Amino acid sequence: LENIKVLDLSRVLAGPYCTMILGDLGAEVIK
């Protein structure tokens, strides 16, 4: 997911866990 940019306005676990997976797959994630 190198060319995907994710804006992460979530906190605690469900949302951050999702965006961590996207980041692990190569997305640029901004918390």
Full PDB file with SEQRES, HELIX, SHEET, SSBOND, CRYST1, ORIGX, SCALE, CONECT and MASTER records, all heavy atoms in Angstrom:
SEQRES   1 A   31  LEU GLU ASN ILE LYS VAL LEU ASP LEU SER ARG VAL LEU          
SEQRES   2 A   31  ALA GLY PRO TYR CYS THR MET ILE LEU GLY ASP LEU GLY          
SEQRES   3 A   31  ALA GLU VAL ILE LYS                                          
HELIX    1 AA1 ALA A   14  ASP A   24  1                                  11    
SHEET    1 AA1 2 LYS A   5  LEU A   7  0                                        
SHEET    2 AA1 2 GLU A  28  ILE A  30  1                                        
CRYST1    1.000    1.000    1.000  90.00  90.00  90.00 P 1           1          
ORIGX1      1.000000  0.000000  0.000000        0.00000                         
ORIGX2      0.000000  1.000000  0.000000        0.00000                         
ORIGX3      0.000000  0.000000  1.000000        0.00000                         
SCALE1      1.000000  0.000000  0.000000        0.00000                         
SCALE2      0.000000  1.000000  0.000000        0.00000                         
SCALE3      0.000000  0.000000  1.000000        0.00000                         
ATOM      1  N   LEU A   1       0.832  -1.211   0.000  1.00  0.00           N  
ATOM      2  CA  LEU A   1       0.000   0.000   0.000  1.00  0.00           C  
ATOM      3  C   LEU A   1       0.866   1.260   0.000  1.00  0.00           C  
ATOM      4  O   LEU A   1       0.472   2.290   0.533  1.00  0.00           O  
ATOM      5  CB  LEU A   1      -0.927  -0.002   1.226  1.00  0.00           C  
ATOM      6  CG  LEU A   1      -1.940  -1.141   1.312  1.00  0.00           C  
ATOM      7  CD1 LEU A   1      -2.763  -1.028   2.590  1.00  0.00           C  
ATOM      8  CD2 LEU A   1      -2.872  -1.144   0.100  1.00  0.00           C  
ATOM      9  N   GLU A   2       2.014   1.187  -0.651  1.00  0.00           N  
ATOM     10  CA  GLU A   2       2.996   2.265  -0.592  1.00  0.00           C  
ATOM     11  C   GLU A   2       2.427   3.625  -0.988  1.00  0.00           C  
ATOM     12  O   GLU A   2       2.775   4.650  -0.406  1.00  0.00           O  
ATOM     13  CB  GLU A   2       4.189   1.935  -1.496  1.00  0.00           C  
ATOM     14  CG  GLU A   2       5.270   2.997  -1.477  1.00  0.00           C  
ATOM     15  CD  GLU A   2       6.342   2.741  -2.507  1.00  0.00           C  
ATOM     16  OE1 GLU A   2       6.075   2.006  -3.476  1.00  0.00           O  
ATOM     17  OE2 GLU A   2       7.446   3.276  -2.359  1.00  0.00           O  
ATOM     18  N   ASN A   3       1.550   3.665  -1.952  1.00  0.00           N  
ATOM     19  CA  ASN A   3       1.055   4.949  -2.455  1.00  0.00           C  
ATOM     20  C   ASN A   3      -0.235   5.402  -1.785  1.00  0.00           C  
ATOM     21  O   ASN A   3      -0.876   6.346  -2.253  1.00  0.00           O  
ATOM     22  CB  ASN A   3       0.857   4.858  -3.969  1.00  0.00           C  
ATOM     23  CG  ASN A   3       2.167   4.631  -4.696  1.00  0.00           C  
ATOM     24  OD1 ASN A   3       3.165   5.275  -4.389  1.00  0.00           O  
ATOM     25  ND2 ASN A   3       2.168   3.695  -5.639  1.00  0.00           N  
ATOM     26  N   ILE A   4      -0.628   4.739  -0.705  1.00  0.00           N  
ATOM     27  CA  ILE A   4      -1.850   5.088   0.004  1.00  0.00           C  
ATOM     28  C   ILE A   4      -1.510   5.925   1.228  1.00  0.00           C  
ATOM     29  O   ILE A   4      -0.611   5.596   2.002  1.00  0.00           O  
ATOM     30  CB  ILE A   4      -2.619   3.812   0.429  1.00  0.00           C  
ATOM     31  CG1 ILE A   4      -3.029   2.993  -0.799  1.00  0.00           C  
ATOM     32  CG2 ILE A   4      -3.836   4.178   1.277  1.00  0.00           C  
ATOM     33  CD1 ILE A   4      -3.948   3.723  -1.764  1.00  0.00           C  
ATOM     34  N   LYS A   5      -2.242   7.029   1.400  1.00  0.00           N  
ATOM     35  CA  LYS A   5      -2.035   7.907   2.555  1.00  0.00           C  
ATOM     36  C   LYS A   5      -3.265   7.853   3.451  1.00  0.00           C  
ATOM     37  O   LYS A   5      -4.391   8.042   2.988  1.00  0.00           O  
ATOM     38  CB  LYS A   5      -1.781   9.337   2.084  1.00  0.00           C  
ATOM     39  CG  LYS A   5      -1.356  10.298   3.202  1.00  0.00           C  
ATOM     40  CD  LYS A   5      -0.876  11.607   2.614  1.00  0.00           C  
ATOM     41  CE  LYS A   5      -0.326  12.541   3.676  1.00  0.00           C  
ATOM     42  NZ  LYS A   5       0.239  13.782   3.087  1.00  0.00           N  
ATOM     43  N   VAL A   6      -3.030   7.594   4.741  1.00  0.00           N  
ATOM     44  CA  VAL A   6      -4.107   7.387   5.704  1.00  0.00           C  
ATOM     45  C   VAL A   6      -4.030   8.446   6.794  1.00  0.00           C  
ATOM     46  O   VAL A   6      -2.971   8.666   7.394  1.00  0.00           O  
ATOM     47  CB  VAL A   6      -4.012   5.987   6.347  1.00  0.00           C  
ATOM     48  CG1 VAL A   6      -5.124   5.782   7.378  1.00  0.00           C  
ATOM     49  CG2 VAL A   6      -4.055   4.904   5.278  1.00  0.00           C  
ATOM     50  N   LEU A   7      -5.160   9.071   7.044  1.00  0.00           N  
ATOM     51  CA  LEU A   7      -5.274  10.057   8.107  1.00  0.00           C  
ATOM     52  C   LEU A   7      -6.019   9.399   9.266  1.00  0.00           C  
ATOM     53  O   LEU A   7      -7.190   9.062   9.151  1.00  0.00           O  
ATOM     54  CB  LEU A   7      -6.032  11.282   7.581  1.00  0.00           C  
ATOM     55  CG  LEU A   7      -5.946  12.594   8.335  1.00  0.00           C  
ATOM     56  CD1 LEU A   7      -4.497  13.002   8.565  1.00  0.00           C  
ATOM     57  CD2 LEU A   7      -6.697  13.682   7.584  1.00  0.00           C  
ATOM     58  N   ASP A   8      -5.320   9.208  10.373  1.00  0.00           N  
ATOM     59  CA  ASP A   8      -5.840   8.409  11.487  1.00  0.00           C  
ATOM     60  C   ASP A   8      -6.235   9.304  12.654  1.00  0.00           C  
ATOM     61  O   ASP A   8      -5.392   9.765  13.411  1.00  0.00           O  
ATOM     62  CB  ASP A   8      -4.770   7.392  11.909  1.00  0.00           C  
ATOM     63  CG  ASP A   8      -5.207   6.520  13.068  1.00  0.00           C  
ATOM     64  OD1 ASP A   8      -6.398   6.564  13.438  1.00  0.00           O  
ATOM     65  OD2 ASP A   8      -4.358   5.794  13.614  1.00  0.00           O  
ATOM     66  N   LEU A   9      -7.553   9.524  12.810  1.00  0.00           N  
ATOM     67  CA  LEU A   9      -8.079  10.317  13.919  1.00  0.00           C  
ATOM     68  C   LEU A   9      -8.606   9.415  15.037  1.00  0.00           C  
ATOM     69  O   LEU A   9      -9.381   9.859  15.894  1.00  0.00           O  
ATOM     70  CB  LEU A   9      -9.201  11.250  13.448  1.00  0.00           C  
ATOM     71  CG  LEU A   9      -8.793  12.595  12.834  1.00  0.00           C  
ATOM     72  CD1 LEU A   9      -8.059  12.392  11.511  1.00  0.00           C  
ATOM     73  CD2 LEU A   9     -10.008  13.488  12.629  1.00  0.00           C  
ATOM     74  N   SER A  10      -8.216   8.154  15.023  1.00  0.00           N  
ATOM     75  CA  SER A  10      -8.725   7.208  16.020  1.00  0.00           C  
ATOM     76  C   SER A  10      -7.792   7.089  17.205  1.00  0.00           C  
ATOM     77  O   SER A  10      -6.643   7.546  17.166  1.00  0.00           O  
ATOM     78  CB  SER A  10      -8.934   5.834  15.382  1.00  0.00           C  
ATOM     79  OG  SER A  10      -7.707   5.229  15.033  1.00  0.00           O  
ATOM     80  N   ARG A  11      -8.283   6.448  18.251  1.00  0.00           N  
ATOM     81  CA  ARG A  11      -7.478   6.252  19.453  1.00  0.00           C  
ATOM     82  C   ARG A  11      -7.902   4.971  20.140  1.00  0.00           C  
ATOM     83  O   ARG A  11      -8.864   4.339  19.740  1.00  0.00           O  
ATOM     84  CB  ARG A  11      -7.633   7.455  20.394  1.00  0.00           C  
ATOM     85  CG  ARG A  11      -9.033   7.613  20.933  1.00  0.00           C  
ATOM     86  CD  ARG A  11      -9.448   9.065  21.047  1.00  0.00           C  
ATOM     87  NE  ARG A  11     -10.730   9.170  21.738  1.00  0.00           N  
ATOM     88  CZ  ARG A  11     -11.888   8.968  21.112  1.00  0.00           C  
ATOM     89  NH1 ARG A  11     -11.937   8.642  19.826  1.00  0.00           N  
ATOM     90  NH2 ARG A  11     -13.019   9.072  21.783  1.00  0.00           N  
ATOM     91  N   VAL A  12      -7.203   4.578  21.152  1.00  0.00           N  
ATOM     92  CA  VAL A  12      -7.376   3.362  21.951  1.00  0.00           C  
ATOM     93  C   VAL A  12      -6.940   2.144  21.136  1.00  0.00           C  
ATOM     94  O   VAL A  12      -5.744   1.999  20.879  1.00  0.00           O  
ATOM     95  CB  VAL A  12      -8.797   3.242  22.540  1.00  0.00           C  
ATOM     96  CG1 VAL A  12      -8.862   2.048  23.494  1.00  0.00           C  
ATOM     97  CG2 VAL A  12      -9.169   4.522  23.300  1.00  0.00           C  
ATOM     98  N   LEU A  13      -7.855   1.282  20.626  1.00  0.00           N  
ATOM     99  CA  LEU A  13      -7.370   0.040  20.037  1.00  0.00           C  
ATOM    100  C   LEU A  13      -7.947  -0.289  18.663  1.00  0.00           C  
ATOM    101  O   LEU A  13      -7.195  -0.582  17.740  1.00  0.00           O  
ATOM    102  CB  LEU A  13      -7.622  -1.130  20.998  1.00  0.00           C  
ATOM    103  CG  LEU A  13      -6.995  -2.461  20.617  1.00  0.00           C  
ATOM    104  CD1 LEU A  13      -5.499  -2.331  20.353  1.00  0.00           C  
ATOM    105  CD2 LEU A  13      -7.257  -3.506  21.696  1.00  0.00           C  
ATOM    106  N   ALA A  14      -9.253  -0.282  18.500  1.00  0.00           N  
ATOM    107  CA  ALA A  14      -9.830  -0.753  17.231  1.00  0.00           C  
ATOM    108  C   ALA A  14      -9.301   0.031  16.036  1.00  0.00           C  
ATOM    109  O   ALA A  14      -8.806  -0.551  15.063  1.00  0.00           O  
ATOM    110  CB  ALA A  14     -11.358  -0.682  17.283  1.00  0.00           C  
ATOM    111  N   GLY A  15      -9.403   1.359  16.093  1.00  0.00           N  
ATOM    112  CA  GLY A  15      -8.924   2.184  14.990  1.00  0.00           C  
ATOM    113  C   GLY A  15      -7.416   2.138  14.828  1.00  0.00           C  
ATOM    114  O   GLY A  15      -6.905   1.908  13.722  1.00  0.00           O  
ATOM    115  N   PRO A  16      -6.651   2.365  15.911  1.00  0.00           N  
ATOM    116  CA  PRO A  16      -5.195   2.282  15.784  1.00  0.00           C  
ATOM    117  C   PRO A  16      -4.699   0.929  15.301  1.00  0.00           C  
ATOM    118  O   PRO A  16      -3.702   0.851  14.576  1.00  0.00           O  
ATOM    119  CB  PRO A  16      -4.719   2.579  17.211  1.00  0.00           C  
ATOM    120  CG  PRO A  16      -5.773   3.483  17.765  1.00  0.00           C  
ATOM    121  CD  PRO A  16      -7.058   2.943  17.204  1.00  0.00           C  
ATOM    122  N   TYR A  17      -5.367  -0.153  15.698  1.00  0.00           N  
ATOM    123  CA  TYR A  17      -4.955  -1.478  15.233  1.00  0.00           C  
ATOM    124  C   TYR A  17      -5.150  -1.589  13.727  1.00  0.00           C  
ATOM    125  O   TYR A  17      -4.283  -2.098  13.007  1.00  0.00           O  
ATOM    126  CB  TYR A  17      -5.759  -2.553  15.952  1.00  0.00           C  
ATOM    127  CG  TYR A  17      -5.245  -3.959  15.738  1.00  0.00           C  
ATOM    128  CD1 TYR A  17      -4.077  -4.381  16.357  1.00  0.00           C  
ATOM    129  CD2 TYR A  17      -5.931  -4.858  14.935  1.00  0.00           C  
ATOM    130  CE1 TYR A  17      -3.596  -5.669  16.177  1.00  0.00           C  
ATOM    131  CE2 TYR A  17      -5.457  -6.148  14.746  1.00  0.00           C  
ATOM    132  CZ  TYR A  17      -4.292  -6.551  15.369  1.00  0.00           C  
ATOM    133  OH  TYR A  17      -3.822  -7.832  15.176  1.00  0.00           O  
ATOM    134  N   CYS A  18      -6.286  -1.063  13.242  1.00  0.00           N  
ATOM    135  CA  CYS A  18      -6.554  -1.045  11.804  1.00  0.00           C  
ATOM    136  C   CYS A  18      -5.485  -0.259  11.057  1.00  0.00           C  
ATOM    137  O   CYS A  18      -4.914  -0.738  10.070  1.00  0.00           O  
ATOM    138  CB  CYS A  18      -7.936  -0.442  11.542  1.00  0.00           C  
ATOM    139  SG  CYS A  18      -8.257  -0.027   9.813  1.00  0.00           S  
ATOM    140  N   THR A  19      -5.193   0.932  11.523  1.00  0.00           N  
ATOM    141  CA  THR A  19      -4.238   1.780  10.793  1.00  0.00           C  
ATOM    142  C   THR A  19      -2.806   1.257  10.915  1.00  0.00           C  
ATOM    143  O   THR A  19      -1.996   1.470  10.016  1.00  0.00           O  
ATOM    144  CB  THR A  19      -4.325   3.234  11.271  1.00  0.00           C  
ATOM    145  OG1 THR A  19      -4.171   3.293  12.693  1.00  0.00           O  
ATOM    146  CG2 THR A  19      -5.680   3.838  10.905  1.00  0.00           C  
ATOM    147  N   MET A  20      -2.500   0.561  12.014  1.00  0.00           N  
ATOM    148  CA  MET A  20      -1.183  -0.062  12.107  1.00  0.00           C  
ATOM    149  C   MET A  20      -1.019  -1.132  11.025  1.00  0.00           C  
ATOM    150  O   MET A  20       0.047  -1.250  10.416  1.00  0.00           O  
ATOM    151  CB  MET A  20      -0.964  -0.676  13.487  1.00  0.00           C  
ATOM    152  CG  MET A  20       0.424  -1.298  13.661  1.00  0.00           C  
ATOM    153  SD  MET A  20       0.728  -2.018  15.296  1.00  0.00           S  
ATOM    154  CE  MET A  20      -0.322  -3.495  15.203  1.00  0.00           C  
ATOM    155  N   ILE A  21      -2.073  -1.913  10.792  1.00  0.00           N  
ATOM    156  CA  ILE A  21      -2.001  -2.926   9.738  1.00  0.00           C  
ATOM    157  C   ILE A  21      -1.785  -2.256   8.383  1.00  0.00           C  
ATOM    158  O   ILE A  21      -0.961  -2.703   7.575  1.00  0.00           O  
ATOM    159  CB  ILE A  21      -3.273  -3.784   9.716  1.00  0.00           C  
ATOM    160  CG1 ILE A  21      -3.418  -4.567  11.020  1.00  0.00           C  
ATOM    161  CG2 ILE A  21      -3.252  -4.752   8.528  1.00  0.00           C  
ATOM    162  CD1 ILE A  21      -4.753  -5.266  11.163  1.00  0.00           C  
ATOM    163  N   LEU A  22      -2.516  -1.177   8.135  1.00  0.00           N  
ATOM    164  CA  LEU A  22      -2.338  -0.451   6.872  1.00  0.00           C  
ATOM    165  C   LEU A  22      -0.907   0.081   6.768  1.00  0.00           C  
ATOM    166  O   LEU A  22      -0.286   0.032   5.696  1.00  0.00           O  
ATOM    167  CB  LEU A  22      -3.346   0.689   6.779  1.00  0.00           C  
ATOM    168  CG  LEU A  22      -4.826   0.281   6.731  1.00  0.00           C  
ATOM    169  CD1 LEU A  22      -5.725   1.515   6.820  1.00  0.00           C  
ATOM    170  CD2 LEU A  22      -5.138  -0.519   5.471  1.00  0.00           C  
ATOM    171  N   GLY A  23      -0.369   0.572   7.888  1.00  0.00           N  
ATOM    172  CA  GLY A  23       1.015   1.032   7.897  1.00  0.00           C  
ATOM    173  C   GLY A  23       1.995  -0.107   7.683  1.00  0.00           C  
ATOM    174  O   GLY A  23       2.995   0.049   6.980  1.00  0.00           O  
ATOM    175  N   ASP A  24       1.710  -1.264   8.291  1.00  0.00           N  
ATOM    176  CA  ASP A  24       2.560  -2.427   8.082  1.00  0.00           C  
ATOM    177  C   ASP A  24       2.581  -2.846   6.620  1.00  0.00           C  
ATOM    178  O   ASP A  24       3.570  -3.403   6.131  1.00  0.00           O  
ATOM    179  CB  ASP A  24       2.062  -3.603   8.934  1.00  0.00           C  
ATOM    180  CG  ASP A  24       2.372  -3.434  10.418  1.00  0.00           C  
ATOM    181  OD1 ASP A  24       3.096  -2.485  10.771  1.00  0.00           O  
ATOM    182  OD2 ASP A  24       1.887  -4.259  11.217  1.00  0.00           O  
ATOM    183  N   LEU A  25       1.481  -2.594   5.913  1.00  0.00           N  
ATOM    184  CA  LEU A  25       1.386  -2.929   4.491  1.00  0.00           C  
ATOM    185  C   LEU A  25       1.986  -1.837   3.598  1.00  0.00           C  
ATOM    186  O   LEU A  25       1.932  -1.948   2.377  1.00  0.00           O  
ATOM    187  CB  LEU A  25      -0.072  -3.177   4.107  1.00  0.00           C  
ATOM    188  CG  LEU A  25      -0.677  -4.479   4.643  1.00  0.00           C  
ATOM    189  CD1 LEU A  25      -2.191  -4.497   4.440  1.00  0.00           C  
ATOM    190  CD2 LEU A  25      -0.043  -5.692   3.969  1.00  0.00           C  
ATOM    191  N   GLY A  26       2.539  -0.808   4.216  1.00  0.00           N  
ATOM    192  CA  GLY A  26       3.266   0.189   3.441  1.00  0.00           C  
ATOM    193  C   GLY A  26       2.594   1.528   3.282  1.00  0.00           C  
ATOM    194  O   GLY A  26       3.172   2.448   2.705  1.00  0.00           O  
ATOM    195  N   ALA A  27       1.349   1.664   3.782  1.00  0.00           N  
ATOM    196  CA  ALA A  27       0.668   2.952   3.677  1.00  0.00           C  
ATOM    197  C   ALA A  27       1.372   4.000   4.546  1.00  0.00           C  
ATOM    198  O   ALA A  27       1.970   3.669   5.579  1.00  0.00           O  
ATOM    199  CB  ALA A  27      -0.793   2.823   4.092  1.00  0.00           C  
ATOM    200  N   GLU A  28       1.291   5.249   4.127  1.00  0.00           N  
ATOM    201  CA  GLU A  28       1.748   6.356   4.977  1.00  0.00           C  
ATOM    202  C   GLU A  28       0.606   6.709   5.921  1.00  0.00           C  
ATOM    203  O   GLU A  28      -0.461   7.122   5.481  1.00  0.00           O  
ATOM    204  CB  GLU A  28       2.129   7.580   4.140  1.00  0.00           C  
ATOM    205  CG  GLU A  28       2.586   8.747   5.002  1.00  0.00           C  
ATOM    206  CD  GLU A  28       2.865  10.015   4.208  1.00  0.00           C  
ATOM    207  OE1 GLU A  28       2.732   9.982   2.969  1.00  0.00           O  
ATOM    208  OE2 GLU A  28       3.201  11.035   4.840  1.00  0.00           O  
ATOM    209  N   VAL A  29       0.812   6.531   7.209  1.00  0.00           N  
ATOM    210  CA  VAL A  29      -0.228   6.771   8.210  1.00  0.00           C  
ATOM    211  C   VAL A  29       0.164   7.954   9.076  1.00  0.00           C  
ATOM    212  O   VAL A  29       1.258   7.985   9.655  1.00  0.00           O  
ATOM    213  CB  VAL A  29      -0.452   5.522   9.093  1.00  0.00           C  
ATOM    214  CG1 VAL A  29      -1.543   5.802  10.133  1.00  0.00           C  
ATOM    215  CG2 VAL A  29      -0.826   4.311   8.246  1.00  0.00           C  
ATOM    216  N   ILE A  30      -0.727   8.930   9.156  1.00  0.00           N  
ATOM    217  CA  ILE A  30      -0.519  10.094  10.003  1.00  0.00           C  
ATOM    218  C   ILE A  30      -1.506  10.018  11.162  1.00  0.00           C  
ATOM    219  O   ILE A  30      -2.727  10.109  10.967  1.00  0.00           O  
ATOM    220  CB  ILE A  30      -0.707  11.404   9.221  1.00  0.00           C  
ATOM    221  CG1 ILE A  30       0.315  11.492   8.087  1.00  0.00           C  
ATOM    222  CG2 ILE A  30      -0.589  12.602  10.158  1.00  0.00           C  
ATOM    223  CD1 ILE A  30       0.132  12.703   7.191  1.00  0.00           C  
ATOM    224  N   LYS A  31      -0.988   9.847  12.355  1.00  0.00           N  
ATOM    225  CA  LYS A  31      -1.812   9.761  13.565  1.00  0.00           C  
ATOM    226  C   LYS A  31      -2.080  11.174  14.066  1.00  0.00           C  
ATOM    227  O   LYS A  31      -1.138  11.951  14.281  1.00  0.00           O  
ATOM    228  CB  LYS A  31      -1.096   8.944  14.634  1.00  0.00           C  
ATOM    229  CG  LYS A  31      -1.895   8.734  15.921  1.00  0.00           C  
ATOM    230  CD  LYS A  31      -1.114   7.864  16.904  1.00  0.00           C  
ATOM    231  CE  LYS A  31      -1.894   7.638  18.189  1.00  0.00           C  
ATOM    232  NZ  LYS A  31      -3.064   6.737  17.991  1.00  0.00           N  
TER     233      LYS A  31                                                      
MASTER        0    0    0    1    2    0    0    6  232    1    0    3          
END                                                                             
